[in-house]
PDB file of all heavy atoms in Angstrom:
ATOM      1  N   VAL A   1      -2.549  -3.597  -5.199  1.00  0.00           N
ATOM      2  CA  VAL A   1      -3.341  -4.641  -4.702  1.00  0.00           C
ATOM      3  C   VAL A   1      -3.083  -5.954  -5.344  1.00  0.00           C
ATOM      4  O   VAL A   1      -2.941  -7.059  -4.703  1.00  0.00           O
ATOM      5  CB  VAL A   1      -4.863  -4.261  -4.864  1.00  0.00           C
ATOM      6  CG1 VAL A   1      -5.737  -5.543  -4.497  1.00  0.00           C
ATOM      7  CG2 VAL A   1      -5.249  -3.059  -4.013  1.00  0.00           C
ATOM      8  N   SER A   2      -2.842  -5.958  -6.676  1.00  0.00           N
ATOM      9  CA  SER A   2      -2.577  -7.265  -7.371  1.00  0.00           C
ATOM     10  C   SER A   2      -1.255  -7.808  -6.897  1.00  0.00           C
ATOM     11  O   SER A   2      -1.158  -9.029  -6.765  1.00  0.00           O
ATOM     12  CB  SER A   2      -2.507  -6.909  -8.890  1.00  0.00           C
ATOM     13  OG  SER A   2      -2.195  -8.035  -9.613  1.00  0.00           O
ATOM     14  N   CYS A   3      -0.226  -6.996  -6.628  1.00  0.00           N
ATOM     15  CA  CYS A   3       1.055  -7.486  -6.193  1.00  0.00           C
ATOM     16  C   CYS A   3       0.905  -8.192  -4.852  1.00  0.00           C
ATOM     17  O   CYS A   3       1.612  -9.228  -4.628  1.00  0.00           O
ATOM     18  CB  CYS A   3       2.030  -6.355  -6.088  1.00  0.00           C
ATOM     19  SG  CYS A   3       2.750  -5.872  -7.689  1.00  0.00           S
ATOM     20  N   VAL A   4       0.091  -7.636  -3.969  1.00  0.00           N
ATOM     21  CA  VAL A   4      -0.127  -8.245  -2.612  1.00  0.00           C
ATOM     22  C   VAL A   4      -0.894  -9.587  -2.885  1.00  0.00           C
ATOM     23  O   VAL A   4      -0.512 -10.687  -2.273  1.00  0.00           O
ATOM     24  CB  VAL A   4      -0.960  -7.285  -1.769  1.00  0.00           C
ATOM     25  CG1 VAL A   4      -1.187  -8.008  -0.462  1.00  0.00           C
ATOM     26  CG2 VAL A   4       0.047  -6.058  -1.453  1.00  0.00           C
ATOM     27  N   GLU A   5      -2.016  -9.447  -3.561  1.00  0.00           N
ATOM     28  CA  GLU A   5      -2.923 -10.659  -3.724  1.00  0.00           C
ATOM     29  C   GLU A   5      -2.226 -11.774  -4.460  1.00  0.00           C
ATOM     30  O   GLU A   5      -2.557 -12.947  -4.150  1.00  0.00           O
ATOM     31  CB  GLU A   5      -4.173 -10.184  -4.467  1.00  0.00           C
ATOM     32  CG  GLU A   5      -5.071  -9.356  -3.533  1.00  0.00           C
ATOM     33  CD  GLU A   5      -6.359  -8.903  -4.190  1.00  0.00           C
ATOM     34  OE1 GLU A   5      -6.416  -8.969  -5.453  1.00  0.00           O
ATOM     35  OE2 GLU A   5      -7.283  -8.474  -3.494  1.00  0.00           O
ATOM     36  N   GLN A   6      -1.304 -11.532  -5.346  1.00  0.00           N
ATOM     37  CA  GLN A   6      -0.595 -12.600  -6.044  1.00  0.00           C
ATOM     38  C   GLN A   6       0.643 -13.055  -5.306  1.00  0.00           C
ATOM     39  O   GLN A   6       1.360 -13.983  -5.844  1.00  0.00           O
ATOM     40  CB  GLN A   6      -0.250 -12.163  -7.443  1.00  0.00           C
ATOM     41  CG  GLN A   6      -1.535 -11.936  -8.354  1.00  0.00           C
ATOM     42  CD  GLN A   6      -1.149 -11.661  -9.790  1.00  0.00           C
ATOM     43  OE1 GLN A   6      -0.158 -12.151 -10.299  1.00  0.00           O
ATOM     44  NE2 GLN A   6      -1.965 -11.103 -10.549  1.00  0.00           N
ATOM     45  N   GLY A   7       0.836 -12.536  -4.125  1.00  0.00           N
ATOM     46  CA  GLY A   7       1.955 -13.187  -3.277  1.00  0.00           C
ATOM     47  C   GLY A   7       3.345 -12.618  -3.679  1.00  0.00           C
ATOM     48  O   GLY A   7       4.407 -13.219  -3.239  1.00  0.00           O
ATOM     49  N   ALA A   8       3.377 -11.475  -4.430  1.00  0.00           N
ATOM     50  CA  ALA A   8       4.760 -11.036  -4.711  1.00  0.00           C
ATOM     51  C   ALA A   8       5.399 -10.288  -3.560  1.00  0.00           C
ATOM     52  O   ALA A   8       6.616 -10.142  -3.461  1.00  0.00           O
ATOM     53  CB  ALA A   8       4.675  -9.936  -5.864  1.00  0.00           C
ATOM     54  N   ILE A   9       4.579  -9.636  -2.670  1.00  0.00           N
ATOM     55  CA  ILE A   9       5.101  -8.813  -1.528  1.00  0.00           C
ATOM     56  C   ILE A   9       4.159  -9.016  -0.272  1.00  0.00           C
ATOM     57  O   ILE A   9       3.028  -9.527  -0.408  1.00  0.00           O
ATOM     58  CB  ILE A   9       5.029  -7.238  -1.968  1.00  0.00           C
ATOM     59  CG1 ILE A   9       3.692  -6.865  -2.398  1.00  0.00           C
ATOM     60  CG2 ILE A   9       6.189  -7.001  -2.949  1.00  0.00           C
ATOM     61  CD1 ILE A   9       3.534  -5.358  -2.618  1.00  0.00           C
ATOM     62  N   ASP A  10       4.742  -8.639   0.815  1.00  0.00           N
ATOM     63  CA  ASP A  10       4.073  -8.693   2.066  1.00  0.00           C
ATOM     64  C   ASP A  10       3.625  -7.358   2.639  1.00  0.00           C
ATOM     65  O   ASP A  10       2.588  -7.172   3.267  1.00  0.00           O
ATOM     66  CB  ASP A  10       4.993  -9.396   3.172  1.00  0.00           C
ATOM     67  CG  ASP A  10       5.557 -10.746   2.823  1.00  0.00           C
ATOM     68  OD1 ASP A  10       4.719 -11.619   2.430  1.00  0.00           O
ATOM     69  OD2 ASP A  10       6.772 -10.874   2.750  1.00  0.00           O
ATOM     70  N   TRP A  11       4.523  -6.343   2.258  1.00  0.00           N
ATOM     71  CA  TRP A  11       4.211  -4.948   2.767  1.00  0.00           C
ATOM     72  C   TRP A  11       4.315  -3.984   1.548  1.00  0.00           C
ATOM     73  O   TRP A  11       4.826  -4.406   0.539  1.00  0.00           O
ATOM     74  CB  TRP A  11       5.277  -4.470   3.733  1.00  0.00           C
ATOM     75  CG  TRP A  11       5.180  -5.152   5.159  1.00  0.00           C
ATOM     76  CD1 TRP A  11       4.720  -6.358   5.505  1.00  0.00           C
ATOM     77  CD2 TRP A  11       5.837  -4.666   6.348  1.00  0.00           C
ATOM     78  NE1 TRP A  11       4.909  -6.613   6.825  1.00  0.00           N
ATOM     79  CE2 TRP A  11       5.685  -5.660   7.292  1.00  0.00           C
ATOM     80  CE3 TRP A  11       6.582  -3.519   6.658  1.00  0.00           C
ATOM     81  CZ2 TRP A  11       6.124  -5.409   8.669  1.00  0.00           C
ATOM     82  CZ3 TRP A  11       7.036  -3.237   7.915  1.00  0.00           C
ATOM     83  CH2 TRP A  11       6.777  -4.225   8.891  1.00  0.00           C
ATOM     84  N   ILE A  12       3.751  -2.845   1.697  1.00  0.00           N
ATOM     85  CA  ILE A  12       3.725  -1.851   0.662  1.00  0.00           C
ATOM     86  C   ILE A  12       4.596  -0.688   0.991  1.00  0.00           C
ATOM     87  O   ILE A  12       4.450  -0.096   2.197  1.00  0.00           O
ATOM     88  CB  ILE A  12       2.249  -1.296   0.412  1.00  0.00           C
ATOM     89  CG1 ILE A  12       1.397  -2.501  -0.073  1.00  0.00           C
ATOM     90  CG2 ILE A  12       2.186  -0.205  -0.644  1.00  0.00           C
ATOM     91  CD1 ILE A  12      -0.176  -2.200   0.022  1.00  0.00           C
ATOM     92  N   GLN A  13       5.326  -0.182   0.030  1.00  0.00           N
ATOM     93  CA  GLN A  13       6.153   1.054   0.222  1.00  0.00           C
ATOM     94  C   GLN A  13       5.725   1.986  -0.799  1.00  0.00           C
ATOM     95  O   GLN A  13       5.990   1.781  -2.022  1.00  0.00           O
ATOM     96  CB  GLN A  13       7.598   0.714   0.161  1.00  0.00           C
ATOM     97  CG  GLN A  13       8.531   1.909   0.343  1.00  0.00           C
ATOM     98  CD  GLN A  13      10.021   1.583   0.295  1.00  0.00           C
ATOM     99  OE1 GLN A  13      10.439   0.527   0.882  1.00  0.00           O
ATOM    100  NE2 GLN A  13      10.900   2.400  -0.322  1.00  0.00           N
ATOM    101  N   LEU A  14       5.111   3.137  -0.465  1.00  0.00           N
ATOM    102  CA  LEU A  14       4.747   4.199  -1.338  1.00  0.00           C
ATOM    103  C   LEU A  14       5.841   5.248  -1.397  1.00  0.00           C
ATOM    104  O   LEU A  14       6.060   5.935  -0.454  1.00  0.00           O
ATOM    105  CB  LEU A  14       3.391   4.792  -0.935  1.00  0.00           C
ATOM    106  CG  LEU A  14       2.247   3.876  -0.806  1.00  0.00           C
ATOM    107  CD1 LEU A  14       1.026   4.519  -0.204  1.00  0.00           C
ATOM    108  CD2 LEU A  14       1.903   3.147  -2.123  1.00  0.00           C
ATOM    109  N   HIS A  15       6.443   5.314  -2.613  1.00  0.00           N
ATOM    110  CA  HIS A  15       7.640   6.200  -2.595  1.00  0.00           C
ATOM    111  C   HIS A  15       7.527   7.399  -3.499  1.00  0.00           C
ATOM    112  O   HIS A  15       8.446   8.054  -3.883  1.00  0.00           O
ATOM    113  CB  HIS A  15       8.824   5.345  -3.120  1.00  0.00           C
ATOM    114  CG  HIS A  15      10.169   5.736  -2.423  1.00  0.00           C
ATOM    115  ND1 HIS A  15      10.695   5.099  -1.430  1.00  0.00           N
ATOM    116  CD2 HIS A  15      10.995   6.887  -2.802  1.00  0.00           C
ATOM    117  CE1 HIS A  15      11.769   5.650  -1.039  1.00  0.00           C
ATOM    118  NE2 HIS A  15      12.089   6.717  -1.789  1.00  0.00           N
ATOM    119  N   GLY A  16       6.236   7.712  -3.859  1.00  0.00           N
ATOM    120  CA  GLY A  16       5.974   8.893  -4.746  1.00  0.00           C
ATOM    121  C   GLY A  16       5.267  10.021  -4.019  1.00  0.00           C
ATOM    122  O   GLY A  16       5.607  10.352  -2.829  1.00  0.00           O
ATOM    123  N   ASP A  17       4.230  10.568  -4.633  1.00  0.00           N
ATOM    124  CA  ASP A  17       3.483  11.682  -4.149  1.00  0.00           C
ATOM    125  C   ASP A  17       2.087  11.250  -3.611  1.00  0.00           C
ATOM    126  O   ASP A  17       1.127  11.959  -3.656  1.00  0.00           O
ATOM    127  CB  ASP A  17       3.324  12.750  -5.258  1.00  0.00           C
ATOM    128  CG  ASP A  17       4.527  13.230  -5.824  1.00  0.00           C
ATOM    129  OD1 ASP A  17       5.473  13.529  -5.039  1.00  0.00           O
ATOM    130  OD2 ASP A  17       4.696  13.135  -7.074  1.00  0.00           O
ATOM    131  N   GLU A  18       1.981   9.949  -3.144  1.00  0.00           N
ATOM    132  CA  GLU A  18       0.735   9.446  -2.806  1.00  0.00           C
ATOM    133  C   GLU A  18       0.192  10.125  -1.625  1.00  0.00           C
ATOM    134  O   GLU A  18       0.893  10.540  -0.698  1.00  0.00           O
ATOM    135  CB  GLU A  18       0.875   7.906  -2.403  1.00  0.00           C
ATOM    136  CG  GLU A  18       1.374   7.045  -3.631  1.00  0.00           C
ATOM    137  CD  GLU A  18       2.772   7.014  -3.721  1.00  0.00           C
ATOM    138  OE1 GLU A  18       3.572   7.603  -2.961  1.00  0.00           O
ATOM    139  OE2 GLU A  18       3.306   6.394  -4.718  1.00  0.00           O
ATOM    140  N   SER A  19      -1.174  10.322  -1.680  1.00  0.00           N
ATOM    141  CA  SER A  19      -1.901  11.125  -0.698  1.00  0.00           C
ATOM    142  C   SER A  19      -2.423  10.243   0.553  1.00  0.00           C
ATOM    143  O   SER A  19      -2.411   9.048   0.451  1.00  0.00           O
ATOM    144  CB  SER A  19      -3.020  11.862  -1.344  1.00  0.00           C
ATOM    145  OG  SER A  19      -3.963  10.880  -1.759  1.00  0.00           O
ATOM    146  N   GLU A  20      -2.876  10.949   1.541  1.00  0.00           N
ATOM    147  CA  GLU A  20      -3.651  10.254   2.538  1.00  0.00           C
ATOM    148  C   GLU A  20      -4.804   9.474   2.069  1.00  0.00           C
ATOM    149  O   GLU A  20      -5.148   8.396   2.567  1.00  0.00           O
ATOM    150  CB  GLU A  20      -4.116  11.321   3.654  1.00  0.00           C
ATOM    151  CG  GLU A  20      -5.005  10.767   4.702  1.00  0.00           C
ATOM    152  CD  GLU A  20      -4.387   9.843   5.636  1.00  0.00           C
ATOM    153  OE1 GLU A  20      -3.214   9.619   5.654  1.00  0.00           O
ATOM    154  OE2 GLU A  20      -5.084   9.248   6.391  1.00  0.00           O
ATOM    155  N   ASP A  21      -5.454  10.066   1.068  1.00  0.00           N
ATOM    156  CA  ASP A  21      -6.619   9.339   0.455  1.00  0.00           C
ATOM    157  C   ASP A  21      -6.218   8.017  -0.138  1.00  0.00           C
ATOM    158  O   ASP A  21      -6.843   6.992  -0.003  1.00  0.00           O
ATOM    159  CB  ASP A  21      -7.212  10.216  -0.680  1.00  0.00           C
ATOM    160  CG  ASP A  21      -8.477   9.628  -1.262  1.00  0.00           C
ATOM    161  OD1 ASP A  21      -9.352   9.315  -0.433  1.00  0.00           O
ATOM    162  OD2 ASP A  21      -8.536   9.491  -2.470  1.00  0.00           O
ATOM    163  N   MET A  22      -5.089   7.999  -0.803  1.00  0.00           N
ATOM    164  CA  MET A  22      -4.461   6.728  -1.392  1.00  0.00           C
ATOM    165  C   MET A  22      -4.226   5.691  -0.348  1.00  0.00           C
ATOM    166  O   MET A  22      -4.598   4.506  -0.443  1.00  0.00           O
ATOM    167  CB  MET A  22      -3.182   7.103  -2.254  1.00  0.00           C
ATOM    168  CG  MET A  22      -2.537   5.955  -2.693  1.00  0.00           C
ATOM    169  SD  MET A  22      -3.204   5.124  -4.124  1.00  0.00           S
ATOM    170  CE  MET A  22      -1.722   4.445  -4.912  1.00  0.00           C
ATOM    171  N   ILE A  23      -3.654   6.197   0.749  1.00  0.00           N
ATOM    172  CA  ILE A  23      -3.264   5.307   1.869  1.00  0.00           C
ATOM    173  C   ILE A  23      -4.547   4.655   2.416  1.00  0.00           C
ATOM    174  O   ILE A  23      -4.663   3.490   2.692  1.00  0.00           O
ATOM    175  CB  ILE A  23      -2.471   6.006   2.980  1.00  0.00           C
ATOM    176  CG1 ILE A  23      -1.116   6.495   2.425  1.00  0.00           C
ATOM    177  CG2 ILE A  23      -2.308   5.142   4.210  1.00  0.00           C
ATOM    178  CD1 ILE A  23      -0.398   7.447   3.356  1.00  0.00           C
ATOM    179  N   ARG A  24      -5.641   5.482   2.575  1.00  0.00           N
ATOM    180  CA  ARG A  24      -6.818   5.018   3.226  1.00  0.00           C
ATOM    181  C   ARG A  24      -7.528   3.997   2.275  1.00  0.00           C
ATOM    182  O   ARG A  24      -8.036   2.993   2.702  1.00  0.00           O
ATOM    183  CB  ARG A  24      -7.725   6.183   3.480  1.00  0.00           C
ATOM    184  CG  ARG A  24      -7.311   6.991   4.726  1.00  0.00           C
ATOM    185  CD  ARG A  24      -8.294   8.061   5.070  1.00  0.00           C
ATOM    186  NE  ARG A  24      -7.854   8.922   6.170  1.00  0.00           N
ATOM    187  CZ  ARG A  24      -7.933   8.561   7.413  1.00  0.00           C
ATOM    188  NH1 ARG A  24      -8.428   7.362   7.733  1.00  0.00           N
ATOM    189  NH2 ARG A  24      -7.390   9.379   8.442  1.00  0.00           N
ATOM    190  N   LYS A  25      -7.442   4.294   0.907  1.00  0.00           N
ATOM    191  CA  LYS A  25      -8.082   3.314   0.050  1.00  0.00           C
ATOM    192  C   LYS A  25      -7.414   2.038  -0.037  1.00  0.00           C
ATOM    193  O   LYS A  25      -8.055   0.952  -0.074  1.00  0.00           O
ATOM    194  CB  LYS A  25      -8.005   3.959  -1.434  1.00  0.00           C
ATOM    195  CG  LYS A  25      -9.043   5.063  -1.593  1.00  0.00           C
ATOM    196  CD  LYS A  25      -8.943   5.678  -2.988  1.00  0.00           C
ATOM    197  CE  LYS A  25     -10.048   6.704  -3.180  1.00  0.00           C
ATOM    198  NZ  LYS A  25      -9.869   7.464  -4.443  1.00  0.00           N
ATOM    199  N   LEU A  26      -6.080   2.031   0.128  1.00  0.00           N
ATOM    200  CA  LEU A  26      -5.383   0.731   0.093  1.00  0.00           C
ATOM    201  C   LEU A  26      -5.652   0.021   1.437  1.00  0.00           C
ATOM    202  O   LEU A  26      -5.826  -1.258   1.458  1.00  0.00           O
ATOM    203  CB  LEU A  26      -3.824   1.041   0.017  1.00  0.00           C
ATOM    204  CG  LEU A  26      -3.333   1.407  -1.314  1.00  0.00           C
ATOM    205  CD1 LEU A  26      -1.886   1.851  -1.247  1.00  0.00           C
ATOM    206  CD2 LEU A  26      -3.458   0.287  -2.317  1.00  0.00           C
ATOM    207  N   LYS A  27      -5.785   0.809   2.544  1.00  0.00           N
ATOM    208  CA  LYS A  27      -6.088   0.158   3.875  1.00  0.00           C
ATOM    209  C   LYS A  27      -7.452  -0.497   3.838  1.00  0.00           C
ATOM    210  O   LYS A  27      -7.731  -1.504   4.539  1.00  0.00           O
ATOM    211  CB  LYS A  27      -5.926   1.096   4.992  1.00  0.00           C
ATOM    212  CG  LYS A  27      -4.436   1.342   5.404  1.00  0.00           C
ATOM    213  CD  LYS A  27      -4.288   2.322   6.595  1.00  0.00           C
ATOM    214  CE  LYS A  27      -2.946   2.244   7.150  1.00  0.00           C
ATOM    215  NZ  LYS A  27      -2.675   1.062   7.803  1.00  0.00           N
ATOM    216  N   GLU A  28      -8.405   0.090   3.120  1.00  0.00           N
ATOM    217  CA  GLU A  28      -9.748  -0.499   3.019  1.00  0.00           C
ATOM    218  C   GLU A  28      -9.756  -1.805   2.230  1.00  0.00           C
ATOM    219  O   GLU A  28     -10.679  -2.686   2.529  1.00  0.00           O
ATOM    220  CB  GLU A  28     -10.662   0.533   2.279  1.00  0.00           C
ATOM    221  CG  GLU A  28     -11.076   1.684   3.114  1.00  0.00           C
ATOM    222  CD  GLU A  28     -11.727   2.848   2.251  1.00  0.00           C
ATOM    223  OE1 GLU A  28     -11.955   2.533   1.094  1.00  0.00           O
ATOM    224  OE2 GLU A  28     -11.958   3.897   2.837  1.00  0.00           O
ATOM    225  N   ARG A  29      -8.778  -1.967   1.362  1.00  0.00           N
ATOM    226  CA  ARG A  29      -8.769  -3.193   0.494  1.00  0.00           C
ATOM    227  C   ARG A  29      -7.757  -4.234   1.017  1.00  0.00           C
ATOM    228  O   ARG A  29      -7.879  -5.444   0.648  1.00  0.00           O
ATOM    229  CB  ARG A  29      -8.386  -2.726  -0.925  1.00  0.00           C
ATOM    230  CG  ARG A  29      -9.468  -1.846  -1.511  1.00  0.00           C
ATOM    231  CD  ARG A  29      -9.116  -1.414  -2.861  1.00  0.00           C
ATOM    232  NE  ARG A  29      -9.097  -2.596  -3.812  1.00  0.00           N
ATOM    233  CZ  ARG A  29      -8.900  -2.496  -5.172  1.00  0.00           C
ATOM    234  NH1 ARG A  29      -8.615  -1.213  -5.666  1.00  0.00           N
ATOM    235  NH2 ARG A  29      -8.849  -3.489  -6.010  1.00  0.00           N
ATOM    236  N   LEU A  30      -6.796  -3.840   1.806  1.00  0.00           N
ATOM    237  CA  LEU A  30      -5.715  -4.811   2.160  1.00  0.00           C
ATOM    238  C   LEU A  30      -5.365  -4.633   3.607  1.00  0.00           C
ATOM    239  O   LEU A  30      -5.605  -3.542   4.279  1.00  0.00           O
ATOM    240  CB  LEU A  30      -4.453  -4.490   1.441  1.00  0.00           C
ATOM    241  CG  LEU A  30      -4.507  -4.679  -0.136  1.00  0.00           C
ATOM    242  CD1 LEU A  30      -3.237  -3.943  -0.784  1.00  0.00           C
ATOM    243  CD2 LEU A  30      -4.536  -6.118  -0.533  1.00  0.00           C
ATOM    244  N   SER A  31      -4.897  -5.638   4.324  1.00  0.00           N
ATOM    245  CA  SER A  31      -4.595  -5.653   5.729  1.00  0.00           C
ATOM    246  C   SER A  31      -3.026  -5.809   5.851  1.00  0.00           C
ATOM    247  O   SER A  31      -2.593  -6.575   6.792  1.00  0.00           O
ATOM    248  CB  SER A  31      -5.369  -6.662   6.571  1.00  0.00           C
ATOM    249  OG  SER A  31      -5.098  -7.939   6.025  1.00  0.00           O
ATOM    250  N   VAL A  32      -2.331  -5.201   5.064  1.00  0.00           N
ATOM    251  CA  VAL A  32      -0.842  -5.307   5.138  1.00  0.00           C
ATOM    252  C   VAL A  32      -0.254  -3.912   5.536  1.00  0.00           C
ATOM    253  O   VAL A  32      -0.846  -2.848   5.270  1.00  0.00           O
ATOM    254  CB  VAL A  32      -0.178  -5.802   3.856  1.00  0.00           C
ATOM    255  CG1 VAL A  32      -0.720  -7.098   3.471  1.00  0.00           C
ATOM    256  CG2 VAL A  32      -0.430  -4.720   2.733  1.00  0.00           C
ATOM    257  N   PRO A  33       0.914  -3.928   6.229  1.00  0.00           N
ATOM    258  CA  PRO A  33       1.527  -2.663   6.654  1.00  0.00           C
ATOM    259  C   PRO A  33       1.948  -1.793   5.375  1.00  0.00           C
ATOM    260  O   PRO A  33       2.255  -2.284   4.374  1.00  0.00           O
ATOM    261  CB  PRO A  33       2.828  -3.100   7.374  1.00  0.00           C
ATOM    262  CG  PRO A  33       2.399  -4.420   7.945  1.00  0.00           C
ATOM    263  CD  PRO A  33       1.550  -5.034   6.865  1.00  0.00           C
ATOM    264  N   ILE A  34       1.791  -0.483   5.604  1.00  0.00           N
ATOM    265  CA  ILE A  34       2.110   0.483   4.506  1.00  0.00           C
ATOM    266  C   ILE A  34       3.144   1.479   5.015  1.00  0.00           C
ATOM    267  O   ILE A  34       3.010   2.097   6.076  1.00  0.00           O
ATOM    268  CB  ILE A  34       0.888   1.331   4.087  1.00  0.00           C
ATOM    269  CG1 ILE A  34      -0.095   0.371   3.491  1.00  0.00           C
ATOM    270  CG2 ILE A  34       1.267   2.386   3.072  1.00  0.00           C
ATOM    271  CD1 ILE A  34      -1.511   1.005   3.119  1.00  0.00           C
ATOM    272  N   LEU A  35       4.257   1.556   4.179  1.00  0.00           N
ATOM    273  CA  LEU A  35       5.276   2.579   4.526  1.00  0.00           C
ATOM    274  C   LEU A  35       5.027   3.744   3.550  1.00  0.00           C
ATOM    275  O   LEU A  35       4.702   3.557   2.358  1.00  0.00           O
ATOM    276  CB  LEU A  35       6.616   2.112   4.187  1.00  0.00           C
ATOM    277  CG  LEU A  35       7.446   1.288   5.213  1.00  0.00           C
ATOM    278  CD1 LEU A  35       6.810  -0.164   5.255  1.00  0.00           C
ATOM    279  CD2 LEU A  35       8.894   1.227   4.788  1.00  0.00           C
ATOM    280  N   LYS A  36       5.140   4.942   4.019  1.00  0.00           N
ATOM    281  CA  LYS A  36       5.181   6.221   3.146  1.00  0.00           C
ATOM    282  C   LYS A  36       6.536   6.743   3.150  1.00  0.00           C
ATOM    283  O   LYS A  36       7.036   7.166   4.211  1.00  0.00           O
ATOM    284  CB  LYS A  36       4.059   7.117   3.598  1.00  0.00           C
ATOM    285  CG  LYS A  36       3.989   8.361   2.695  1.00  0.00           C
ATOM    286  CD  LYS A  36       3.597   8.040   1.249  1.00  0.00           C
ATOM    287  CE  LYS A  36       3.622   9.188   0.340  1.00  0.00           C
ATOM    288  NZ  LYS A  36       4.990   9.536  -0.164  1.00  0.00           N
ATOM    289  N   ALA A  37       7.132   6.935   1.972  1.00  0.00           N
ATOM    290  CA  ALA A  37       8.453   7.637   2.009  1.00  0.00           C
ATOM    291  C   ALA A  37       8.293   9.146   1.980  1.00  0.00           C
ATOM    292  O   ALA A  37       7.405   9.635   1.413  1.00  0.00           O
ATOM    293  CB  ALA A  37       9.152   7.227   0.615  1.00  0.00           C
ATOM    294  N   VAL A  38       9.264   9.727   2.645  1.00  0.00           N
ATOM    295  CA  VAL A  38       9.343  11.182   2.681  1.00  0.00           C
ATOM    296  C   VAL A  38      10.627  11.620   2.157  1.00  0.00           C
ATOM    297  O   VAL A  38      11.667  11.166   2.542  1.00  0.00           O
ATOM    298  CB  VAL A  38       9.264  11.729   4.218  1.00  0.00           C
ATOM    299  CG1 VAL A  38       9.075  13.225   4.226  1.00  0.00           C
ATOM    300  CG2 VAL A  38       8.253  11.020   4.956  1.00  0.00           C
TER     301      VAL A  38
END
C-alpha cells in the first residue's frame, strides 16, 4: 500500500504465495489493478 500511495508504482504484481484473502484486502484499500503470478 505504501509503494502505491507514495507514487512508486501504478499496478501491483503479487509473485509469491499470496492468497485470495490478501488480494481482497488490497482491493479494499486500493483501486489499482492487481496481477497474481502463477
